[in-house]
Amino acid sequence: MANHARFWGRTVMVQNGNVEAAYNVLNRILTQDGLVDAVRRGRYYEPPCRRRQRAAFEASRRVLSAELRRKVAFVARSDRRDPWGGC
């Protein structure tokens, strides 16, 4: 089990007895994986209509975030052609 990819992805080593730093790292890993949100959502019943609304909102947020990242990457590019041609 120790060589399983999911196990390694969520393994945090405590260095020099610094448990708080290891806990913060583990919390960040679980948040990025979406496990913290899934556990919080599972505490209470979520009606099917709210589940569909949440899924649609998350999908639209992903699309808008990807579009914004693409635009920022385009503006931040350094190899773009000068639009004014050396004015």
PDB file of N, CA and C in Angstrom:
ATOM      1  N   MET A   1       0.814  -1.195   0.000  1.00  0.00           N
ATOM      2  CA  MET A   1       0.000   0.000   0.000  1.00  0.00           C
ATOM      3  C   MET A   1       0.858   1.259   0.000  1.00  0.00           C
ATOM      4  N   ALA A   2       2.048   1.189   0.572  1.00  0.00           N
ATOM      5  CA  ALA A   2       2.888   2.373   0.686  1.00  0.00           C
ATOM      6  C   ALA A   2       3.372   2.864  -0.672  1.00  0.00           C
ATOM      7  N   ASN A   3       3.409   1.998  -1.675  1.00  0.00           N
ATOM      8  CA  ASN A   3       3.875   2.413  -2.990  1.00  0.00           C
ATOM      9  C   ASN A   3       2.748   2.891  -3.891  1.00  0.00           C
ATOM     10  N   HIS A   4       1.523   2.900  -3.394  1.00  0.00           N
ATOM     11  CA  HIS A   4       0.383   3.346  -4.185  1.00  0.00           C
ATOM     12  C   HIS A   4       0.488   4.846  -4.434  1.00  0.00           C
ATOM     13  N   ALA A   5       0.157   5.290  -5.657  1.00  0.00           N
ATOM     14  CA  ALA A   5       0.352   6.691  -6.043  1.00  0.00           C
ATOM     15  C   ALA A   5      -0.459   7.642  -5.180  1.00  0.00           C
ATOM     16  N   ARG A   6      -1.695   7.291  -4.867  1.00  0.00           N
ATOM     17  CA  ARG A   6      -2.518   8.179  -4.039  1.00  0.00           C
ATOM     18  C   ARG A   6      -1.951   8.282  -2.631  1.00  0.00           C
ATOM     19  N   PHE A   7      -1.401   7.181  -2.123  1.00  0.00           N
ATOM     20  CA  PHE A   7      -0.809   7.206  -0.787  1.00  0.00           C
ATOM     21  C   PHE A   7       0.396   8.133  -0.764  1.00  0.00           C
ATOM     22  N   TRP A   8       1.239   8.047  -1.786  1.00  0.00           N
ATOM     23  CA  TRP A   8       2.421   8.904  -1.838  1.00  0.00           C
ATOM     24  C   TRP A   8       2.026  10.369  -2.012  1.00  0.00           C
ATOM     25  N   GLY A   9       0.967  10.629  -2.754  1.00  0.00           N
ATOM     26  CA  GLY A   9       0.551  12.006  -2.976  1.00  0.00           C
ATOM     27  C   GLY A   9       0.053  12.691  -1.724  1.00  0.00           C
ATOM     28  N   ARG A  10      -0.376  11.916  -0.737  1.00  0.00           N
ATOM     29  CA  ARG A  10      -0.900  12.496   0.497  1.00  0.00           C
ATOM     30  C   ARG A  10      -0.028  12.169   1.698  1.00  0.00           C
ATOM     31  N   THR A  11       1.216  11.804   1.471  1.00  0.00           N
ATOM     32  CA  THR A  11       2.133  11.489   2.555  1.00  0.00           C
ATOM     33  C   THR A  11       2.948  12.728   2.892  1.00  0.00           C
ATOM     34  N   VAL A  12       2.982  13.053   4.166  1.00  0.00           N
ATOM     35  CA  VAL A  12       3.745  14.215   4.619  1.00  0.00           C
ATOM     36  C   VAL A  12       4.686  13.745   5.714  1.00  0.00           C
ATOM     37  N   MET A  13       5.945  14.063   5.553  1.00  0.00           N
ATOM     38  CA  MET A  13       6.949  13.690   6.537  1.00  0.00           C
ATOM     39  C   MET A  13       7.109  14.813   7.553  1.00  0.00           C
ATOM     40  N   VAL A  14       7.148  14.463   8.830  1.00  0.00           N
ATOM     41  CA  VAL A  14       7.367  15.435   9.894  1.00  0.00           C
ATOM     42  C   VAL A  14       8.868  15.560  10.086  1.00  0.00           C
ATOM     43  N   GLN A  15       9.375  16.772   9.913  1.00  0.00           N
ATOM     44  CA  GLN A  15      10.812  16.998  10.023  1.00  0.00           C
ATOM     45  C   GLN A  15      11.126  17.766  11.297  1.00  0.00           C
ATOM     46  N   ASN A  16      12.071  17.274  12.054  1.00  0.00           N
ATOM     47  CA  ASN A  16      12.538  17.905  13.286  1.00  0.00           C
ATOM     48  C   ASN A  16      11.400  18.126  14.283  1.00  0.00           C
ATOM     49  N   GLY A  17      10.424  17.249  14.292  1.00  0.00           N
ATOM     50  CA  GLY A  17       9.320  17.354  15.233  1.00  0.00           C
ATOM     51  C   GLY A  17       8.382  18.518  14.983  1.00  0.00           C
ATOM     52  N   ASN A  18       8.448  19.111  13.805  1.00  0.00           N
ATOM     53  CA  ASN A  18       7.604  20.259  13.478  1.00  0.00           C
ATOM     54  C   ASN A  18       6.278  19.761  12.909  1.00  0.00           C
ATOM     55  N   VAL A  19       5.364  19.426  13.812  1.00  0.00           N
ATOM     56  CA  VAL A  19       4.086  18.835  13.419  1.00  0.00           C
ATOM     57  C   VAL A  19       3.182  19.888  12.786  1.00  0.00           C
ATOM     58  N   GLU A  20       3.241  21.125  13.250  1.00  0.00           N
ATOM     59  CA  GLU A  20       2.363  22.166  12.712  1.00  0.00           C
ATOM     60  C   GLU A  20       2.641  22.427  11.234  1.00  0.00           C
ATOM     61  N   ALA A  21       3.901  22.478  10.854  1.00  0.00           N
ATOM     62  CA  ALA A  21       4.246  22.695   9.451  1.00  0.00           C
ATOM     63  C   ALA A  21       3.779  21.519   8.600  1.00  0.00           C
ATOM     64  N   ALA A  22       3.946  20.299   9.119  1.00  0.00           N
ATOM     65  CA  ALA A  22       3.498  19.114   8.385  1.00  0.00           C
ATOM     66  C   ALA A  22       1.977  19.113   8.249  1.00  0.00           C
ATOM     67  N   TYR A  23       1.273  19.545   9.305  1.00  0.00           N
ATOM     68  CA  TYR A  23      -0.187  19.620   9.240  1.00  0.00           C
ATOM     69  C   TYR A  23      -0.626  20.638   8.193  1.00  0.00           C
ATOM     70  N   ASN A  24       0.053  21.784   8.124  1.00  0.00           N
ATOM     71  CA  ASN A  24      -0.284  22.799   7.121  1.00  0.00           C
ATOM     72  C   ASN A  24      -0.058  22.273   5.711  1.00  0.00           C
ATOM     73  N   VAL A  25       1.015  21.536   5.502  1.00  0.00           N
ATOM     74  CA  VAL A  25       1.299  20.961   4.184  1.00  0.00           C
ATOM     75  C   VAL A  25       0.223  19.937   3.818  1.00  0.00           C
ATOM     76  N   LEU A  26      -0.136  19.071   4.774  1.00  0.00           N
ATOM     77  CA  LEU A  26      -1.162  18.071   4.523  1.00  0.00           C
ATOM     78  C   LEU A  26      -2.512  18.729   4.231  1.00  0.00           C
ATOM     79  N   ASN A  27      -2.841  19.771   4.983  1.00  0.00           N
ATOM     80  CA  ASN A  27      -4.097  20.473   4.772  1.00  0.00           C
ATOM     81  C   ASN A  27      -4.132  21.102   3.378  1.00  0.00           C
ATOM     82  N   ARG A  28      -3.021  21.668   2.929  1.00  0.00           N
ATOM     83  CA  ARG A  28      -2.953  22.257   1.595  1.00  0.00           C
ATOM     84  C   ARG A  28      -3.116  21.184   0.520  1.00  0.00           C
ATOM     85  N   ILE A  29      -2.492  20.031   0.705  1.00  0.00           N
ATOM     86  CA  ILE A  29      -2.599  18.935  -0.267  1.00  0.00           C
ATOM     87  C   ILE A  29      -4.043  18.459  -0.360  1.00  0.00           C
ATOM     88  N   LEU A  30      -4.689  18.261   0.787  1.00  0.00           N
ATOM     89  CA  LEU A  30      -6.067  17.769   0.786  1.00  0.00           C
ATOM     90  C   LEU A  30      -7.017  18.801   0.207  1.00  0.00           C
ATOM     91  N   THR A  31      -6.761  20.084   0.442  1.00  0.00           N
ATOM     92  CA  THR A  31      -7.602  21.133  -0.121  1.00  0.00           C
ATOM     93  C   THR A  31      -7.462  21.174  -1.635  1.00  0.00           C
ATOM     94  N   GLN A  32      -6.243  21.051  -2.142  1.00  0.00           N
ATOM     95  CA  GLN A  32      -6.026  21.066  -3.583  1.00  0.00           C
ATOM     96  C   GLN A  32      -6.655  19.849  -4.250  1.00  0.00           C
ATOM     97  N   ASP A  33      -6.679  18.716  -3.567  1.00  0.00           N
ATOM     98  CA  ASP A  33      -7.320  17.513  -4.111  1.00  0.00           C
ATOM     99  C   ASP A  33      -8.834  17.603  -4.074  1.00  0.00           C
ATOM    100  N   GLY A  34      -9.363  18.516  -3.278  1.00  0.00           N
ATOM    101  CA  GLY A  34     -10.801  18.676  -3.179  1.00  0.00           C
ATOM    102  C   GLY A  34     -11.447  17.802  -2.116  1.00  0.00           C
ATOM    103  N   LEU A  35     -10.640  17.128  -1.319  1.00  0.00           N
ATOM    104  CA  LEU A  35     -11.193  16.247  -0.294  1.00  0.00           C
ATOM    105  C   LEU A  35     -11.839  17.017   0.847  1.00  0.00           C
ATOM    106  N   VAL A  36     -11.281  18.149   1.211  1.00  0.00           N
ATOM    107  CA  VAL A  36     -11.837  18.930   2.308  1.00  0.00           C
ATOM    108  C   VAL A  36     -13.239  19.412   1.942  1.00  0.00           C
ATOM    109  N   ASP A  37     -13.406  19.908   0.719  1.00  0.00           N
ATOM    110  CA  ASP A  37     -14.723  20.370   0.279  1.00  0.00           C
ATOM    111  C   ASP A  37     -15.713  19.209   0.199  1.00  0.00           C
ATOM    112  N   ALA A  38     -15.255  18.058  -0.265  1.00  0.00           N
ATOM    113  CA  ALA A  38     -16.144  16.902  -0.368  1.00  0.00           C
ATOM    114  C   ALA A  38     -16.626  16.451   1.006  1.00  0.00           C
ATOM    115  N   VAL A  39     -15.747  16.478   1.984  1.00  0.00           N
ATOM    116  CA  VAL A  39     -16.137  16.085   3.342  1.00  0.00           C
ATOM    117  C   VAL A  39     -17.120  17.095   3.916  1.00  0.00           C
ATOM    118  N   ARG A  40     -16.861  18.375   3.691  1.00  0.00           N
ATOM    119  CA  ARG A  40     -17.773  19.400   4.203  1.00  0.00           C
ATOM    120  C   ARG A  40     -19.141  19.304   3.532  1.00  0.00           C
ATOM    121  N   ARG A  41     -19.159  19.021   2.241  1.00  0.00           N
ATOM    122  CA  ARG A  41     -20.434  18.877   1.543  1.00  0.00           C
ATOM    123  C   ARG A  41     -21.188  17.639   2.016  1.00  0.00           C
ATOM    124  N   GLY A  42     -20.465  16.599   2.403  1.00  0.00           N
ATOM    125  CA  GLY A  42     -21.103  15.365   2.826  1.00  0.00           C
ATOM    126  C   GLY A  42     -21.703  15.408   4.215  1.00  0.00           C
ATOM    127  N   ARG A  43     -21.469  16.458   4.958  1.00  0.00           N
ATOM    128  CA  ARG A  43     -22.011  16.551   6.314  1.00  0.00           C
ATOM    129  C   ARG A  43     -23.531  16.670   6.313  1.00  0.00           C
ATOM    130  N   TYR A  44     -24.053  17.354   5.322  1.00  0.00           N
ATOM    131  CA  TYR A  44     -25.491  17.593   5.243  1.00  0.00           C
ATOM    132  C   TYR A  44     -26.012  17.111   3.890  1.00  0.00           C
ATOM    133  N   TYR A  45     -27.289  16.871   3.828  1.00  0.00           N
ATOM    134  CA  TYR A  45     -27.909  16.428   2.586  1.00  0.00           C
ATOM    135  C   TYR A  45     -27.946  17.585   1.595  1.00  0.00           C
ATOM    136  N   GLU A  46     -27.540  17.289   0.371  1.00  0.00           N
ATOM    137  CA  GLU A  46     -27.578  18.285  -0.693  1.00  0.00           C
ATOM    138  C   GLU A  46     -28.627  17.837  -1.712  1.00  0.00           C
ATOM    139  N   PRO A  47     -29.696  18.590  -1.864  1.00  0.00           N
ATOM    140  CA  PRO A  47     -30.736  18.186  -2.818  1.00  0.00           C
ATOM    141  C   PRO A  47     -30.179  18.128  -4.243  1.00  0.00           C
ATOM    142  N   PRO A  48     -30.780  17.300  -5.081  1.00  0.00           N
ATOM    143  CA  PRO A  48     -30.290  17.149  -6.457  1.00  0.00           C
ATOM    144  C   PRO A  48     -30.259  18.469  -7.232  1.00  0.00           C
ATOM    145  N   CYS A  49     -31.248  19.355  -6.997  1.00  0.00           N
ATOM    146  CA  CYS A  49     -31.244  20.627  -7.731  1.00  0.00           C
ATOM    147  C   CYS A  49     -30.045  21.477  -7.319  1.00  0.00           C
ATOM    148  N   ARG A  50     -29.705  21.502  -6.030  1.00  0.00           N
ATOM    149  CA  ARG A  50     -28.528  22.260  -5.569  1.00  0.00           C
ATOM    150  C   ARG A  50     -27.240  21.634  -6.084  1.00  0.00           C
ATOM    151  N   ARG A  51     -27.222  20.299  -6.164  1.00  0.00           N
ATOM    152  CA  ARG A  51     -26.034  19.615  -6.674  1.00  0.00           C
ATOM    153  C   ARG A  51     -25.789  19.991  -8.130  1.00  0.00           C
ATOM    154  N   ARG A  52     -26.878  20.032  -8.932  1.00  0.00           N
ATOM    155  CA  ARG A  52     -26.733  20.433 -10.338  1.00  0.00           C
ATOM    156  C   ARG A  52     -26.303  21.888 -10.441  1.00  0.00           C
ATOM    157  N   GLN A  53     -26.876  22.761  -9.604  1.00  0.00           N
ATOM    158  CA  GLN A  53     -26.489  24.176  -9.626  1.00  0.00           C
ATOM    159  C   GLN A  53     -25.015  24.340  -9.286  1.00  0.00           C
ATOM    160  N   ARG A  54     -24.555  23.616  -8.252  1.00  0.00           N
ATOM    161  CA  ARG A  54     -23.159  23.705  -7.843  1.00  0.00           C
ATOM    162  C   ARG A  54     -22.240  23.189  -8.950  1.00  0.00           C
ATOM    163  N   ALA A  55     -22.609  22.081  -9.569  1.00  0.00           N
ATOM    164  CA  ALA A  55     -21.788  21.514 -10.641  1.00  0.00           C
ATOM    165  C   ALA A  55     -21.709  22.474 -11.826  1.00  0.00           C
ATOM    166  N   ALA A  56     -22.833  23.111 -12.173  1.00  0.00           N
ATOM    167  CA  ALA A  56     -22.833  24.068 -13.283  1.00  0.00           C
ATOM    168  C   ALA A  56     -21.993  25.292 -12.947  1.00  0.00           C
ATOM    169  N   PHE A  57     -22.099  25.763 -11.717  1.00  0.00           N
ATOM    170  CA  PHE A  57     -21.305  26.926 -11.299  1.00  0.00           C
ATOM    171  C   PHE A  57     -19.820  26.604 -11.323  1.00  0.00           C
ATOM    172  N   GLU A  58     -19.436  25.435 -10.805  1.00  0.00           N
ATOM    173  CA  GLU A  58     -18.021  25.053 -10.801  1.00  0.00           C
ATOM    174  C   GLU A  58     -17.491  24.897 -12.224  1.00  0.00           C
ATOM    175  N   ALA A  59     -18.312  24.352 -13.124  1.00  0.00           N
ATOM    176  CA  ALA A  59     -17.880  24.204 -14.514  1.00  0.00           C
ATOM    177  C   ALA A  59     -17.688  25.556 -15.171  1.00  0.00           C
ATOM    178  N   SER A  60     -18.618  26.485 -14.932  1.00  0.00           N
ATOM    179  CA  SER A  60     -18.474  27.818 -15.524  1.00  0.00           C
ATOM    180  C   SER A  60     -17.272  28.541 -14.936  1.00  0.00           C
ATOM    181  N   ARG A  61     -17.034  28.355 -13.646  1.00  0.00           N
ATOM    182  CA  ARG A  61     -15.866  28.983 -13.017  1.00  0.00           C
ATOM    183  C   ARG A  61     -14.570  28.439 -13.598  1.00  0.00           C
ATOM    184  N   ARG A  62     -14.531  27.125 -13.868  1.00  0.00           N
ATOM    185  CA  ARG A  62     -13.332  26.545 -14.489  1.00  0.00           C
ATOM    186  C   ARG A  62     -13.104  27.120 -15.875  1.00  0.00           C
ATOM    187  N   VAL A  63     -14.175  27.259 -16.657  1.00  0.00           N
ATOM    188  CA  VAL A  63     -14.047  27.797 -18.018  1.00  0.00           C
ATOM    189  C   VAL A  63     -13.570  29.243 -17.974  1.00  0.00           C
ATOM    190  N   LEU A  64     -14.175  30.051 -17.119  1.00  0.00           N
ATOM    191  CA  LEU A  64     -13.784  31.459 -17.029  1.00  0.00           C
ATOM    192  C   LEU A  64     -12.361  31.616 -16.513  1.00  0.00           C
ATOM    193  N   SER A  65     -11.965  30.787 -15.554  1.00  0.00           N
ATOM    194  CA  SER A  65     -10.606  30.851 -15.029  1.00  0.00           C
ATOM    195  C   SER A  65      -9.593  30.463 -16.100  1.00  0.00           C
ATOM    196  N   ALA A  66      -9.909  29.436 -16.878  1.00  0.00           N
ATOM    197  CA  ALA A  66      -9.003  29.022 -17.952  1.00  0.00           C
ATOM    198  C   ALA A  66      -8.872  30.126 -18.999  1.00  0.00           C
ATOM    199  N   GLU A  67      -9.990  30.778 -19.316  1.00  0.00           N
ATOM    200  CA  GLU A  67      -9.951  31.867 -20.298  1.00  0.00           C
ATOM    201  C   GLU A  67      -9.116  33.037 -19.769  1.00  0.00           C
ATOM    202  N   LEU A  68      -9.285  33.363 -18.491  1.00  0.00           N
ATOM    203  CA  LEU A  68      -8.505  34.451 -17.900  1.00  0.00           C
ATOM    204  C   LEU A  68      -7.019  34.106 -17.869  1.00  0.00           C
ATOM    205  N   ARG A  69      -6.685  32.853 -17.520  1.00  0.00           N
ATOM    206  CA  ARG A  69      -5.275  32.434 -17.537  1.00  0.00           C
ATOM    207  C   ARG A  69      -4.690  32.548 -18.936  1.00  0.00           C
ATOM    208  N   ARG A  70      -5.483  32.164 -19.950  1.00  0.00           N
ATOM    209  CA  ARG A  70      -5.006  32.244 -21.330  1.00  0.00           C
ATOM    210  C   ARG A  70      -4.749  33.686 -21.721  1.00  0.00           C
ATOM    211  N   LYS A  71      -5.641  34.606 -21.351  1.00  0.00           N
ATOM    212  CA  LYS A  71      -5.470  36.009 -21.691  1.00  0.00           C
ATOM    213  C   LYS A  71      -4.268  36.615 -20.974  1.00  0.00           C
ATOM    214  N   VAL A  72      -4.095  36.283 -19.713  1.00  0.00           N
ATOM    215  CA  VAL A  72      -2.949  36.806 -18.958  1.00  0.00           C
ATOM    216  C   VAL A  72      -1.649  36.277 -19.546  1.00  0.00           C
ATOM    217  N   ALA A  73      -1.632  35.003 -19.926  1.00  0.00           N
ATOM    218  CA  ALA A  73      -0.427  34.439 -20.536  1.00  0.00           C
ATOM    219  C   ALA A  73      -0.125  35.132 -21.858  1.00  0.00           C
ATOM    220  N   PHE A  74      -1.153  35.483 -22.607  1.00  0.00           N
ATOM    221  CA  PHE A  74      -0.935  36.173 -23.878  1.00  0.00           C
ATOM    222  C   PHE A  74      -0.356  37.562 -23.641  1.00  0.00           C
ATOM    223  N   VAL A  75      -0.892  38.288 -22.680  1.00  0.00           N
ATOM    224  CA  VAL A  75      -0.404  39.638 -22.411  1.00  0.00           C
ATOM    225  C   VAL A  75       1.005  39.604 -21.831  1.00  0.00           C
ATOM    226  N   ALA A  76       1.295  38.596 -21.030  1.00  0.00           N
ATOM    227  CA  ALA A  76       2.600  38.510 -20.379  1.00  0.00           C
ATOM    228  C   ALA A  76       3.687  37.959 -21.294  1.00  0.00           C
ATOM    229  N   ARG A  77       3.320  37.477 -22.479  1.00  0.00           N
ATOM    230  CA  ARG A  77       4.330  36.943 -23.401  1.00  0.00           C
ATOM    231  C   ARG A  77       5.309  38.028 -23.802  1.00  0.00           C
ATOM    232  N   SER A  78       6.560  37.673 -23.907  1.00  0.00           N
ATOM    233  CA  SER A  78       7.570  38.660 -24.277  1.00  0.00           C
ATOM    234  C   SER A  78       7.914  38.593 -25.767  1.00  0.00           C
ATOM    235  N   ASP A  79       7.508  37.554 -26.495  1.00  0.00           N
ATOM    236  CA  ASP A  79       7.874  37.406 -27.899  1.00  0.00           C
ATOM    237  C   ASP A  79       6.761  37.876 -28.838  1.00  0.00           C
ATOM    238  N   ARG A  80       5.848  38.736 -28.319  1.00  0.00           N
ATOM    239  CA  ARG A  80       4.778  39.243 -29.186  1.00  0.00           C
ATOM    240  C   ARG A  80       5.326  40.300 -30.147  1.00  0.00           C
ATOM    241  N   ARG A  81       4.683  40.385 -31.304  1.00  0.00           N
ATOM    242  CA  ARG A  81       5.054  41.398 -32.278  1.00  0.00           C
ATOM    243  C   ARG A  81       4.534  42.758 -31.792  1.00  0.00           C
ATOM    244  N   ASP A  82       5.310  43.800 -31.983  1.00  0.00           N
ATOM    245  CA  ASP A  82       4.910  45.139 -31.550  1.00  0.00           C
ATOM    246  C   ASP A  82       3.746  45.620 -32.411  1.00  0.00           C
ATOM    247  N   PRO A  83       2.594  45.957 -31.818  1.00  0.00           N
ATOM    248  CA  PRO A  83       1.433  46.321 -32.630  1.00  0.00           C
ATOM    249  C   PRO A  83       1.585  47.676 -33.306  1.00  0.00           C
ATOM    250  N   TRP A  84       2.487  48.542 -32.813  1.00  0.00           N
ATOM    251  CA  TRP A  84       2.620  49.881 -33.399  1.00  0.00           C
ATOM    252  C   TRP A  84       3.812  49.980 -34.357  1.00  0.00           C
ATOM    253  N   GLY A  85       4.600  48.954 -34.460  1.00  0.00           N
ATOM    254  CA  GLY A  85       5.652  48.920 -35.450  1.00  0.00           C
ATOM    255  C   GLY A  85       6.766  49.951 -35.265  1.00  0.00           C
ATOM    256  N   GLY A  86       7.171  50.194 -34.051  1.00  0.00           N
ATOM    257  CA  GLY A  86       8.309  51.071 -33.777  1.00  0.00           C
ATOM    258  C   GLY A  86       8.008  52.540 -33.810  1.00  0.00           C
ATOM    259  N   CYS A  87       6.827  52.943 -33.436  1.00  0.00           N
ATOM    260  CA  CYS A  87       6.479  54.375 -33.413  1.00  0.00           C
ATOM    261  C   CYS A  87       7.160  55.093 -32.295  1.00  0.00           C
TER     262      CYS A  87
END
